[in-house]
């Protein structure tokens, strides 16, 4: 039976080639956009190099001060003082990474200007993150304590600054008019990994800013690494208990919110949340609404085209009904035909997605970004195809099953 439905579906597609082209274009274009977007989102929210211990980590990226009487607030990142003086006293975390957010500077090589993003880190930063060292090694706690001007650079920075030299370790790189001795080269980190992305990594003790300033708000981020997954909840409880005892250092505010979140919760809080709400529900709802509306437009187009196809096949439907075909059989046949059309469009969309992703990676629009169509992306694409096929096929199929036999034969 399915074989016959398939033959009928192919014959119908060949009958009106223009409608078929419009249908396949709408399906393939929509699925291409969805698959590329899903691959990007999957890259952002999934554990990836060098953030491979994400299931054992909590992230502290935001400090929010509120004046509850007047209803206003101020948001910033944690200061080094907050990280070192309070957060570092926690007992449950195995390691605590402290690093600044990336800053940008210019460097000049052979009269050519290149942009370098750099951040300052502590020694545990290299233990919490699973960096791949292509040359050398990270700086030690002793070198940090001595405020040595040493640096770890990315693979792309090595190529941009030193050219095709076989070894960069031992050479000097200049940033903000200060020369640093390169002691390590790491595999480049994607810019979607904001916690770890940089071209140049430096000890926090060589920072020109006053990292010892006694303020809770600053320009740093903290990652807490638990020994096991089971310790994560204990680590969060200890963090919350410690934060509740931290005194507010500004009399303008009477309430302070600092959270240690999981990776996805931290992403949501930074994008749409605040100190009172993580923003997970808001972001998921917003993304879901955008995807639904994006799918709805081509689905409505397909419904209209399918209804037109039904009107053209009214005589065929009348004959089949006259010979005893039930409405249920006709509905099932049309839905199967529509699913076949949808999956053909999905196959074309898959090919387009592979080409688009390959082009995005080749152009390096986002540094070190390597998008891939993995199993999750393909699964989401399959679900999208089913959604398309069912949503755009059920109503036209129902309309077809309601056609009167006599009217259908007369038409």
Protein backbone atom coordinates (compact mmCIF):
# COMPACT_ATOMS: atom_id res chain seq x y z
CA UNK A 1 0.00 0.00 0.00
CA UNK A 2 2.76 2.43 0.92
CA UNK A 3 4.47 1.63 -2.38
CA UNK A 4 1.32 2.66 -4.27
CA UNK A 5 1.05 5.85 -2.22
CA UNK A 6 4.66 6.63 -3.09
CA UNK A 7 4.01 6.16 -6.81
CA UNK A 8 0.91 8.36 -6.64
CA UNK A 9 2.84 11.03 -4.71
CA UNK A 10 5.61 11.14 -7.33
CA UNK A 11 3.04 11.34 -10.14
CA UNK A 12 1.25 14.21 -8.40
CA UNK A 13 4.55 16.07 -7.90
CA UNK A 14 5.33 15.77 -11.61
CA UNK A 15 1.86 16.94 -12.62
CA UNK A 16 2.24 20.57 -11.43
CA UNK A 17 5.97 21.26 -11.41
CA UNK A 18 5.65 24.92 -10.42
CA UNK A 19 3.66 24.11 -7.27
CA UNK A 20 6.13 21.34 -6.53
CA UNK A 21 9.05 23.74 -6.85
CA UNK A 22 7.40 26.29 -4.52
CA UNK A 23 6.67 23.56 -1.96
CA UNK A 24 10.15 22.03 -2.05
CA UNK A 25 11.82 25.44 -1.92
CA UNK A 26 9.79 26.50 1.12
CA UNK A 27 10.53 23.26 2.97
CA UNK A 28 14.22 23.04 2.08
CA UNK A 29 14.94 26.73 2.79
CA UNK A 30 13.18 26.62 6.16
CA UNK A 31 14.91 23.41 7.21
CA UNK A 32 18.28 24.74 6.06
CA UNK A 33 17.91 27.78 8.28
CA UNK A 34 16.71 25.63 11.18
CA UNK A 35 19.51 23.09 10.83
CA UNK A 36 22.23 25.75 10.64
CA UNK A 37 20.71 27.61 13.60
CA UNK A 38 20.38 24.37 15.56
CA UNK A 39 24.00 23.48 14.85
CA UNK A 40 25.05 26.90 16.17
CA UNK A 41 22.87 26.67 19.30
CA UNK A 42 24.09 23.12 19.92
CA UNK A 43 27.67 24.43 19.71
CA UNK A 44 26.93 27.12 22.29
CA UNK A 45 25.00 25.07 24.85
CA UNK A 46 26.91 21.78 24.60
CA UNK A 47 30.10 20.92 26.41
CA UNK A 48 32.96 21.61 24.03
CA UNK A 49 36.70 22.31 24.05
CA UNK A 50 38.03 23.44 26.43
CA UNK A 51 34.93 23.51 28.63
CA UNK A 52 34.72 19.72 28.88
CA UNK A 53 33.98 19.49 32.62
CA UNK A 54 30.78 21.47 32.34
CA UNK A 55 28.73 18.89 34.24
CA UNK A 56 30.96 19.43 37.28
CA UNK A 57 31.16 23.22 37.08
CA UNK A 58 29.27 26.21 38.38
CA UNK A 59 29.76 29.64 36.82
CA UNK A 60 29.74 32.99 38.60
CA UNK A 61 29.48 35.78 36.04
CA UNK A 62 27.18 38.40 37.48
CA UNK A 63 26.80 40.59 40.54
CA UNK A 64 23.56 42.52 40.92
CA UNK A 65 23.01 45.27 43.49
CA UNK A 66 19.44 46.46 44.14
CA UNK A 67 17.85 49.38 45.86
CA UNK A 68 14.51 47.80 46.75
CA UNK A 69 13.09 51.04 48.18
CA UNK A 70 13.53 53.07 45.00
CA UNK A 71 13.30 50.10 42.61
CA UNK A 72 16.56 50.44 40.67
CA UNK A 73 19.58 48.20 40.38
CA UNK A 74 23.07 47.88 38.92
CA UNK A 75 24.67 44.85 37.27
CA UNK A 76 28.30 44.00 36.73
CA UNK A 77 30.77 41.13 36.91
CA UNK A 78 32.49 39.91 40.08
CA UNK A 79 35.68 41.65 41.13
CA UNK A 80 38.94 39.88 41.75
CA UNK A 81 38.58 40.90 45.41
CA UNK A 82 35.22 39.09 45.66
CA UNK A 83 36.66 36.00 43.96
CA UNK A 84 39.82 35.86 46.04
CA UNK A 85 38.60 37.13 49.42
CA UNK A 86 35.27 35.28 49.59
CA UNK A 87 34.69 32.69 46.86
CA UNK A 88 38.16 31.17 47.22
CA UNK A 89 37.38 30.28 50.85
CA UNK A 90 34.91 27.58 49.76
CA UNK A 91 35.88 24.05 50.79
CA UNK A 92 33.79 21.87 48.45
CA UNK A 93 35.24 23.03 45.08
CA UNK A 94 38.23 21.05 43.89
CA UNK A 95 39.58 24.01 41.90
CA UNK A 96 38.47 27.61 41.42
CA UNK A 97 39.25 29.38 38.16
CA UNK A 98 39.45 33.18 38.20
CA UNK A 99 39.82 35.13 34.97
CA UNK A 100 38.96 38.51 33.55
CA UNK A 101 36.60 39.04 30.67
CA UNK A 102 38.35 39.46 27.33
CA UNK A 103 39.75 42.87 26.48
CA UNK A 104 40.93 44.04 23.09
CA UNK A 105 44.18 45.67 22.05
CA UNK A 106 46.06 46.31 18.83
CA UNK A 107 49.40 44.87 17.84
CA UNK A 108 51.55 45.78 14.86
CA UNK A 109 53.53 43.26 12.88
CA UNK A 110 55.43 44.43 9.79
CA UNK A 111 53.31 47.60 9.64
CA UNK A 112 50.17 45.49 9.75
CA UNK A 113 47.65 45.96 12.53
CA UNK A 114 46.16 42.86 14.13
CA UNK A 115 43.54 42.69 16.86
CA UNK A 116 44.31 40.69 19.98
CA UNK A 117 41.81 39.78 22.67
CA UNK A 118 43.44 38.98 25.97
CA UNK A 119 42.43 38.02 29.48
CA UNK A 120 44.11 37.68 32.85
CA UNK A 121 43.86 34.38 34.73
CA UNK A 122 44.97 32.55 37.83
CA UNK A 123 46.84 29.22 37.81
CA UNK A 124 43.73 27.04 38.38
CA UNK A 125 42.30 28.39 35.13
CA UNK A 126 44.47 25.89 33.25
CA UNK A 127 43.27 22.98 35.39
CA UNK A 128 39.56 23.74 35.19
CA UNK A 129 39.74 24.18 31.41
CA UNK A 130 41.01 21.24 29.34
CA UNK A 131 43.30 23.18 27.04
CA UNK A 132 45.35 21.40 24.40
CA UNK A 133 48.91 22.74 24.44
CA UNK A 134 50.58 22.55 21.04
CA UNK A 135 53.77 24.04 22.49
CA UNK A 136 55.12 24.73 25.95
CA UNK A 137 52.99 24.80 29.09
CA UNK A 138 50.89 27.20 31.20
CA UNK A 139 52.36 29.64 33.68
CA UNK A 140 52.64 28.45 37.27
CA UNK A 141 51.47 29.90 40.57
CA UNK A 142 55.07 30.89 41.29
CA UNK A 143 55.31 32.87 38.05
CA UNK A 144 52.00 34.56 38.88
CA UNK A 145 53.20 35.44 42.38
CA UNK A 146 56.39 36.90 40.89
CA UNK A 147 54.32 38.91 38.36
CA UNK A 148 56.44 37.54 35.53
CA UNK A 149 55.59 38.87 32.11
CA UNK A 150 54.86 35.54 30.51
CA UNK A 151 52.06 34.63 28.14
CA UNK A 152 50.16 31.78 26.56
CA UNK A 153 48.91 32.46 23.05
CA UNK A 154 46.45 30.76 20.72
CA UNK A 155 47.45 28.93 17.56
CA UNK A 156 45.93 31.64 15.35
CA UNK A 157 47.78 34.37 17.25
CA UNK A 158 51.05 32.54 16.72
CA UNK A 159 50.45 32.46 12.99
CA UNK A 160 49.26 36.08 12.78
CA UNK A 161 52.07 37.49 14.93
CA UNK A 162 55.06 35.26 14.18
CA UNK A 163 54.16 33.80 10.78
CA UNK A 164 55.07 30.22 9.90
CA UNK A 165 57.80 29.79 12.50
CA UNK A 166 58.05 26.21 13.80
CA UNK A 167 58.31 27.25 17.47
CA UNK A 168 56.93 30.36 19.19
CA UNK A 169 57.92 29.47 22.76
CA UNK A 170 60.71 31.79 23.91
CA UNK A 171 59.75 34.62 21.56
CA UNK A 172 58.20 37.90 22.71
CA UNK A 173 54.79 39.31 21.92
CA UNK A 174 53.75 42.91 22.62
CA UNK A 175 50.33 44.00 23.90
CA UNK A 176 49.45 47.42 25.32
CA UNK A 177 53.09 48.48 24.87
CA UNK A 178 54.31 45.66 27.13
CA UNK A 179 56.41 42.71 25.93
CA UNK A 180 55.58 39.23 27.19
CA UNK A 181 57.61 36.06 26.78
CA UNK A 182 55.61 33.27 25.16
CA UNK A 183 55.75 30.08 27.24
CA UNK A 184 52.88 28.16 25.64
CA UNK A 185 50.68 27.85 22.56
CA UNK A 186 47.16 26.38 22.82
CA UNK A 187 44.67 25.17 20.28
CA UNK A 188 42.29 28.02 19.43
CA UNK A 189 39.03 28.35 21.37
CA UNK A 190 35.77 29.21 19.61
CA UNK A 191 34.45 32.69 20.32
CA UNK A 192 31.15 31.11 21.34
CA UNK A 193 33.03 29.92 24.46
CA UNK A 194 33.12 33.35 26.07
CA UNK A 195 34.39 31.96 29.36
CA UNK A 196 37.60 30.71 27.74
CA UNK A 197 38.00 32.60 24.47
CA UNK A 198 41.10 34.76 24.04
CA UNK A 199 44.08 35.22 21.75
CA UNK A 200 46.44 35.98 24.62
CA UNK A 201 46.39 34.73 28.23
CA UNK A 202 48.32 36.58 30.95
CA UNK A 203 48.87 36.25 34.73
CA UNK A 204 46.42 38.48 36.59
CA UNK A 205 49.29 40.03 38.56
CA UNK A 206 50.60 41.85 35.46
CA UNK A 207 47.30 43.66 34.95
CA UNK A 208 47.57 47.44 34.87
CA UNK A 209 44.25 47.79 36.70
CA UNK A 210 44.04 47.59 40.47
CA UNK A 211 42.83 44.01 40.92
CA UNK A 212 43.28 44.36 44.70
CA UNK A 213 40.66 47.10 44.95
CA UNK A 214 38.15 46.23 47.68
CA UNK A 215 34.96 46.25 45.63
CA UNK A 216 32.51 43.44 44.94
CA UNK A 217 31.84 44.53 41.35
CA UNK A 218 34.58 44.30 38.74
CA UNK A 219 35.57 42.61 35.50
CA UNK A 220 36.23 38.98 36.42
CA UNK A 221 34.46 35.65 36.15
CA UNK A 222 34.74 32.58 38.35
CA UNK A 223 34.31 28.86 37.63
CA UNK A 224 33.89 26.39 40.50
CA UNK A 225 34.96 22.83 39.72
CA UNK A 226 33.56 20.02 41.85
CA UNK A 227 35.41 16.75 42.40
CA UNK A 228 32.39 14.71 41.25
CA UNK A 229 28.93 15.38 39.80
CA UNK A 230 27.45 14.52 43.18
CA UNK A 231 29.37 17.41 44.77
CA UNK A 232 27.82 20.07 42.52
CA UNK A 233 24.69 20.52 44.64
CA UNK A 234 26.77 20.66 47.84
CA UNK A 235 29.06 23.19 46.18
CA UNK A 236 26.08 25.37 45.27
CA UNK A 237 24.66 25.20 48.79
CA UNK A 238 28.02 26.19 50.27
CA UNK A 239 28.30 29.06 47.80
CA UNK A 240 24.83 30.40 48.64
CA UNK A 241 25.53 30.18 52.37
CA UNK A 242 28.81 32.08 51.92
CA UNK A 243 27.28 34.80 49.71
CA UNK A 244 24.54 35.43 52.26
CA UNK A 245 27.25 36.54 54.71
CA UNK A 246 29.07 38.90 52.32
CA UNK A 247 28.48 42.52 53.40
CA UNK A 248 27.24 44.98 50.77
CA UNK A 249 30.01 47.51 50.16
CA UNK A 250 27.79 50.34 48.86
CA UNK A 251 25.23 52.13 51.00
CA UNK A 252 23.11 52.96 47.96
CA UNK A 253 21.98 49.34 47.82
CA UNK A 254 20.21 47.15 50.33
CA UNK A 255 20.13 43.83 48.45
CA UNK A 256 22.75 41.83 46.56
CA UNK A 257 22.34 38.83 44.24
CA UNK A 258 25.24 36.60 43.18
CA UNK A 259 24.51 33.17 41.73
CA UNK A 260 26.61 30.11 40.95
CA UNK A 261 24.77 28.57 37.99
CA UNK A 262 25.14 25.60 35.71
CA UNK A 263 26.27 26.35 32.17
CA UNK A 264 22.84 26.67 30.53
CA UNK A 265 21.32 28.55 33.46
CA UNK A 266 24.29 30.93 33.45
CA UNK A 267 23.83 31.56 29.71
CA UNK A 268 20.14 32.33 30.19
CA UNK A 269 20.81 34.63 33.14
CA UNK A 270 23.38 36.60 31.16
CA UNK A 271 21.07 36.94 28.14
CA UNK A 272 17.61 37.62 29.57
CA UNK A 273 17.72 36.96 33.32
CA UNK A 274 18.60 38.95 36.40
CA UNK A 275 19.32 38.43 40.06
CA UNK A 276 15.75 37.37 40.82
CA UNK A 277 15.14 35.11 37.82
CA UNK A 278 17.54 32.93 35.89
CA UNK A 279 15.60 33.58 32.66
CA UNK A 280 15.57 29.91 31.58
CA UNK A 281 11.80 29.79 31.03
CA UNK A 282 11.81 33.20 29.34
CA UNK A 283 14.61 32.33 26.91
CA UNK A 284 13.24 28.86 26.09
CA UNK A 285 9.76 30.33 25.54
CA UNK A 286 11.14 33.12 23.35
CA UNK A 287 13.19 30.74 21.21
CA UNK A 288 10.24 28.35 20.98
CA UNK A 289 7.94 31.16 19.85
CA UNK A 290 10.40 32.33 17.19
CA UNK A 291 10.83 28.78 15.87
CA UNK A 292 7.07 28.22 15.86
CA UNK A 293 6.40 31.42 13.92
CA UNK A 294 9.24 30.63 11.54
CA UNK A 295 7.71 27.20 10.86
CA UNK A 296 4.17 28.54 10.71
CA UNK A 297 4.66 30.77 7.65
CA UNK A 298 5.87 28.06 5.25
CA UNK A 299 3.34 25.65 6.76
CA UNK A 300 0.46 28.00 5.89
CA UNK A 301 1.90 28.31 2.38
CA UNK A 302 2.00 24.52 2.08
CA UNK A 303 -1.57 24.21 3.35
CA UNK A 304 -2.80 26.60 0.65
CA UNK A 305 -0.88 24.77 -2.06
CA UNK A 306 -2.17 21.40 -0.83
CA UNK A 307 -5.76 22.63 -0.84
CA UNK A 308 -5.27 23.74 -4.45
CA UNK A 309 -3.93 20.28 -5.28
CA UNK A 310 -7.00 18.71 -3.66
CA UNK A 311 -9.39 20.78 -5.74
CA UNK A 312 -7.56 19.59 -8.87
CA UNK A 313 -7.96 15.95 -7.75
CA UNK A 314 -11.63 16.19 -6.83
CA UNK A 315 -12.70 13.88 -9.68
CA UNK A 316 -10.14 11.28 -8.59
CA UNK A 317 -11.43 11.53 -5.02
CA UNK A 318 -15.05 11.20 -6.22
CA UNK A 319 -14.26 8.03 -8.20
CA UNK A 320 -12.43 6.44 -5.27
CA UNK A 321 -15.27 7.28 -2.90
CA UNK A 322 -17.81 5.89 -5.38
CA UNK A 323 -15.88 2.60 -5.41
CA UNK A 324 -15.96 2.38 -1.62
CA UNK A 325 -12.83 4.17 -0.41
CA UNK A 326 -13.42 5.47 3.11
CA UNK A 327 -12.63 9.00 4.25
CA UNK A 328 -10.07 7.56 6.66
CA UNK A 329 -8.22 5.82 3.81
CA UNK A 330 -8.15 9.01 1.73
CA UNK A 331 -6.89 11.07 4.68
CA UNK A 332 -4.16 8.53 5.40
CA UNK A 333 -3.11 8.51 1.72
CA UNK A 334 -2.87 12.29 1.48
CA UNK A 335 -0.92 12.62 4.74
CA UNK A 336 1.55 9.98 3.52
CA UNK A 337 1.89 11.81 0.19
CA UNK A 338 2.55 15.07 2.04
CA UNK A 339 5.13 13.43 4.31
CA UNK A 340 6.93 12.08 1.25
CA UNK A 341 6.99 15.61 -0.23
CA UNK A 342 8.24 16.99 3.08
CA UNK A 343 11.04 14.45 3.44
CA UNK A 344 12.18 15.08 -0.13
CA UNK A 345 12.38 18.77 0.77
CA UNK A 346 14.15 17.78 4.01
CA UNK A 347 16.75 15.84 2.03
CA UNK A 348 17.38 18.86 -0.17
CA UNK A 349 17.56 21.02 2.96
CA UNK A 350 20.12 18.66 4.47
CA UNK A 351 22.35 18.98 1.41
CA UNK A 352 22.03 22.78 1.50
CA UNK A 353 22.79 22.79 5.24
CA UNK A 354 26.00 20.84 4.74
CA UNK A 355 27.09 23.30 2.05
CA UNK A 356 26.18 26.38 4.15
CA UNK A 357 27.93 25.04 7.26
CA UNK A 358 31.01 24.17 5.25
CA UNK A 359 31.06 27.72 3.85
CA UNK A 360 30.60 29.29 7.31
CA UNK A 361 33.50 27.27 8.69
CA UNK A 362 35.69 28.08 5.68
CA UNK A 363 35.04 31.83 5.90
CA UNK A 364 35.81 31.84 9.67
CA UNK A 365 33.07 34.38 10.35
CA UNK A 366 33.41 33.46 14.04
CA UNK A 367 37.00 32.70 15.14
CA UNK A 368 37.71 28.99 15.67
CA UNK A 369 34.05 28.07 15.14
CA UNK A 370 33.59 24.53 13.86
CA UNK A 371 29.90 23.85 13.21
CA UNK A 372 28.84 20.28 12.65
CA UNK A 373 25.64 18.42 11.80
CA UNK A 374 25.77 15.93 14.63
CA UNK A 375 23.17 13.37 15.70
CA UNK A 376 21.23 15.92 17.75
CA UNK A 377 20.98 18.32 14.82
CA UNK A 378 19.80 15.56 12.49
CA UNK A 379 17.22 14.41 15.06
CA UNK A 380 15.83 17.94 15.39
CA UNK A 381 15.70 18.19 11.61
CA UNK A 382 13.76 14.92 11.39
CA UNK A 383 11.27 16.20 13.97
CA UNK A 384 10.92 19.42 11.98
CA UNK A 385 10.15 17.38 8.85
CA UNK A 386 7.46 15.42 10.71
CA UNK A 387 6.02 18.66 12.07
CA UNK A 388 5.91 20.16 8.59
CA UNK A 389 4.37 17.09 7.02
CA UNK A 390 1.67 16.57 9.62
CA UNK A 391 0.75 20.21 10.20
CA UNK A 392 0.49 21.05 6.51
CA UNK A 393 -1.21 17.77 5.59
CA UNK A 394 -3.88 17.14 8.22
CA UNK A 395 -6.22 20.05 7.39
CA UNK A 396 -6.09 19.62 3.57
CA UNK A 397 -6.58 15.87 4.06
CA UNK A 398 -9.63 16.53 6.23
CA UNK A 399 -11.00 18.90 3.57
CA UNK A 400 -10.48 16.19 0.97
CA UNK A 401 -12.34 13.57 3.03
CA UNK A 402 -15.36 15.92 3.31
CA UNK A 403 -15.83 16.29 -0.46
CA UNK A 404 -19.28 15.21 -1.65
CA UNK A 405 -19.11 12.28 -4.11
CA UNK A 406 -21.68 13.70 -6.56
CA UNK A 407 -20.08 17.17 -6.63
CA UNK A 408 -16.62 15.69 -6.97
CA UNK A 409 -17.68 13.56 -9.97
CA UNK A 410 -19.48 16.48 -11.63
CA UNK A 411 -16.35 18.68 -11.32
